[in-house]
Amino acid sequence: MSKHTMKILWLFVILSFAAAYQVIFGRVKLSHPAVYLYYFVFAAGFVSWVYFTVRIFSFRQKLALFVKRIIANEYKAGIKISHFCEDEVSVISRQINKMADQLVVYDGLQRDRISVITRALDIVYHTVKEGIVIFDAKKNEFRFNPIMQSVFEVEQETVSYEAISLQPGNREFVSVLRSAIEKGAVVANARVRLELPVRQTHRELVISINPVKDRNEAVDMAIIFVSAFGG
């Protein structure tokens, strides 16, 4: 019955309004008690129309809020189901809640997968015997792995882009990096000079830059591999 409640009520609304039209405009001559029966049918149809209006507008607001939360990556969302009304809206709401539960499961699996990949990359980053510098385009900062920290004789892992770019000797390095990010292209075997402001230490490097793009083809990160060092 719940799957067809609103269909039946909607048909009842049409019939009751049609009957009321016939009585009000005198198209049908009825005895006095029968007129009251028609009025009752019309009133019931009007109540059904109000029920439709309230249910549809209420569902629209709940659905809009649900979509807004999903867009905001709040997958533990859902539509509250009324315990007093059991109709097609309730059926659709339950289906939407099942979809939200599936999104929570998929999101959890994706987070676990990303967590594993992140841990694996972190292990490589800290244990590899080659120099690696990661530039985070969103945070505008560089991260130096232990090998690079040792080469520059510093213990600081992160250095801001501003601090690097303000060093006069880093102009070529910054130019090569910006070109790789703007074009989204790999740079291979570029010879540059890099100076860190921490101890004013500088090294001649041979670097390769691999831009990492997001799904919109915008560069979020650049991984800089250092293949040779010089004083």
Foldseek 3Di string as FASTA:
>chain_A
DQACVLVVLVVLLVVLVVLVVCVVVVVDDDDPVVVVVSVVSNVSSVVSVVVVVVLVVLLVVQVVVQVVCVVVVNLQDAGDADPVHRHNSNVVRVVVNVVSVVSVVVVVVVVVVVVVVVVVVVVCQAPPPFWKWKAFPVQQKIATHPNVCVVQVHDDGIDHNVQFCPDPQCVVVVVVVVVCQVVVDKAAQDWGKGAGPPVRGIKTWGWIKHFDADPVRHGRMIMITTDDIGD
